[in-house]
Amino acid sequence: MKGPNTFLAKMSFINGFLFACILSPILETGLLYILILLTKKYLTKSITIQIFLPGIIFGSLHTYSLFYMIYAILAGIVFCFGFCSYYYNRGFKTAFWSITLIHLLRNALPFLLRLR
């Protein structure tokens, strides 16, 4: 694999899949949740800021390239929007596992394409 998955290329297929598609989405969704709560508690009650600020931080942690970072920021904003939407309407469990599943599927795509 090339690109942002260079780290994963050093792992076996199974270990890379488990890391990128199981562990990372769970941890990163948890991080988003914490960032959303911290933003709400310490900065503002504005839902817009609660979506954009954690999304920008999320994307900024994906530092492979500027293009990839911008892509990850946009994905982070979408994840935060989905998380907040579910969280405020259906509760934490639905929000957490829905966004984790979406993130998992997004991360699994390169692995699935690699199988063909």
Protein backbone atom coordinates (compact mmCIF):
# COMPACT_ATOMS: atom_id res chain seq x y z
CA MET A 1 0.00 0.00 0.00
CA LYS A 2 1.08 3.55 -0.63
CA GLY A 3 0.03 6.85 0.81
CA PRO A 4 -1.47 7.32 4.24
CA ASN A 5 -1.44 3.57 4.77
CA THR A 6 2.37 3.22 4.68
CA PHE A 7 2.29 2.35 8.39
CA LEU A 8 -0.24 -0.38 7.65
CA ALA A 9 1.84 -1.76 4.78
CA LYS A 10 4.35 -3.05 7.32
CA MET A 11 1.63 -5.12 9.01
CA SER A 12 0.11 -8.36 7.85
CA PHE A 13 -3.19 -7.99 6.04
CA ILE A 14 -5.16 -9.23 9.06
CA ASN A 15 -3.32 -7.03 11.57
CA GLY A 16 -3.65 -4.00 9.30
CA PHE A 17 -7.34 -4.68 8.84
CA LEU A 18 -7.91 -5.08 12.58
CA PHE A 19 -5.98 -1.90 13.33
CA ALA A 20 -7.47 0.29 10.59
CA CYS A 21 -10.99 -1.08 10.52
CA ILE A 22 -11.72 -2.08 14.10
CA LEU A 23 -9.42 -0.39 16.60
CA SER A 24 -8.91 2.99 14.90
CA PRO A 25 -12.59 3.79 14.24
CA ILE A 26 -13.49 2.96 17.84
CA LEU A 27 -10.68 5.09 19.27
CA GLU A 28 -11.17 7.97 16.85
CA THR A 29 -14.94 8.06 17.38
CA GLY A 30 -14.27 8.11 21.12
CA LEU A 31 -11.85 11.00 20.58
CA LEU A 32 -14.48 12.88 18.57
CA TYR A 33 -17.01 12.37 21.36
CA ILE A 34 -14.58 13.68 23.96
CA LEU A 35 -13.70 16.69 21.79
CA ILE A 36 -17.39 17.47 21.21
CA LEU A 37 -18.09 17.32 24.95
CA LEU A 38 -15.06 19.44 25.81
CA THR A 39 -16.06 22.00 23.19
CA LYS A 40 -19.57 22.12 24.61
CA LYS A 41 -18.42 22.33 28.23
CA TYR A 42 -15.52 24.77 27.96
CA LEU A 43 -15.96 26.79 24.78
CA THR A 44 -19.49 27.17 23.53
CA LYS A 45 -22.94 25.67 23.38
CA SER A 46 -23.03 26.40 19.63
CA ILE A 47 -23.72 23.19 17.77
CA THR A 48 -21.88 24.59 14.74
CA ILE A 49 -18.67 24.97 16.74
CA GLN A 50 -19.25 21.55 18.34
CA ILE A 51 -19.27 20.06 14.84
CA PHE A 52 -16.54 22.05 13.09
CA LEU A 53 -13.85 22.37 15.76
CA PRO A 54 -13.56 18.64 16.60
CA GLY A 55 -13.83 17.83 12.88
CA ILE A 56 -10.92 20.13 12.11
CA ILE A 57 -8.87 18.65 14.95
CA PHE A 58 -9.72 15.12 13.78
CA GLY A 59 -8.59 15.89 10.24
CA SER A 60 -5.47 17.70 11.40
CA LEU A 61 -4.28 14.50 13.05
CA HIS A 62 -4.15 12.80 9.63
CA THR A 63 -0.90 14.36 8.48
CA TYR A 64 0.12 12.28 5.46
CA SER A 65 -0.28 15.20 3.07
CA LEU A 66 -2.15 18.48 2.82
CA PHE A 67 -4.71 16.97 0.43
CA TYR A 68 -5.29 14.01 2.75
CA MET A 69 -5.57 16.32 5.74
CA ILE A 70 -8.23 18.42 3.99
CA TYR A 71 -10.07 15.24 3.06
CA ALA A 72 -9.86 14.02 6.66
CA ILE A 73 -11.09 17.39 7.98
CA LEU A 74 -14.14 17.15 5.73
CA ALA A 75 -14.72 13.55 6.82
CA GLY A 76 -14.29 14.60 10.45
CA ILE A 77 -16.89 17.33 10.06
CA VAL A 78 -19.31 14.82 8.53
CA PHE A 79 -18.60 12.36 11.35
CA CYS A 80 -19.15 15.10 13.95
CA PHE A 81 -22.38 16.19 12.30
CA GLY A 82 -23.63 12.62 12.30
CA PHE A 83 -22.49 12.06 15.85
CA CYS A 84 -24.17 15.22 17.17
CA SER A 85 -27.33 14.49 15.22
CA TYR A 86 -27.62 10.99 16.64
CA TYR A 87 -26.40 12.00 20.10
CA TYR A 88 -28.93 14.77 20.60
CA ASN A 89 -31.81 12.78 19.10
CA ARG A 90 -31.13 9.15 20.00
CA GLY A 91 -28.45 9.07 22.67
CA PHE A 92 -24.84 8.12 23.06
CA LYS A 93 -24.92 4.42 22.11
CA THR A 94 -26.65 5.03 18.79
CA ALA A 95 -24.37 7.97 18.00
CA PHE A 96 -21.18 6.17 18.93
CA TRP A 97 -21.84 2.88 17.16
CA SER A 98 -23.41 4.46 14.07
CA ILE A 99 -20.44 6.74 13.44
CA THR A 100 -17.99 3.98 14.36
CA LEU A 101 -19.64 1.70 11.79
CA ILE A 102 -19.54 4.39 9.09
CA HIS A 103 -15.89 5.09 9.91
CA LEU A 104 -15.13 1.36 9.88
CA LEU A 105 -16.70 0.94 6.44
CA ARG A 106 -14.81 3.95 5.09
CA ASN A 107 -11.52 2.57 6.41
CA ALA A 108 -12.32 -0.93 5.10
CA LEU A 109 -12.71 0.24 1.52
CA PRO A 110 -8.96 0.21 0.68
CA PHE A 111 -8.68 -3.28 2.16
CA LEU A 112 -11.62 -4.54 0.14
CA LEU A 113 -10.22 -3.01 -3.04
CA ARG A 114 -6.90 -4.68 -2.32
CA LEU A 115 -8.57 -8.10 -2.40
CA ARG A 116 -9.64 -7.86 -6.03
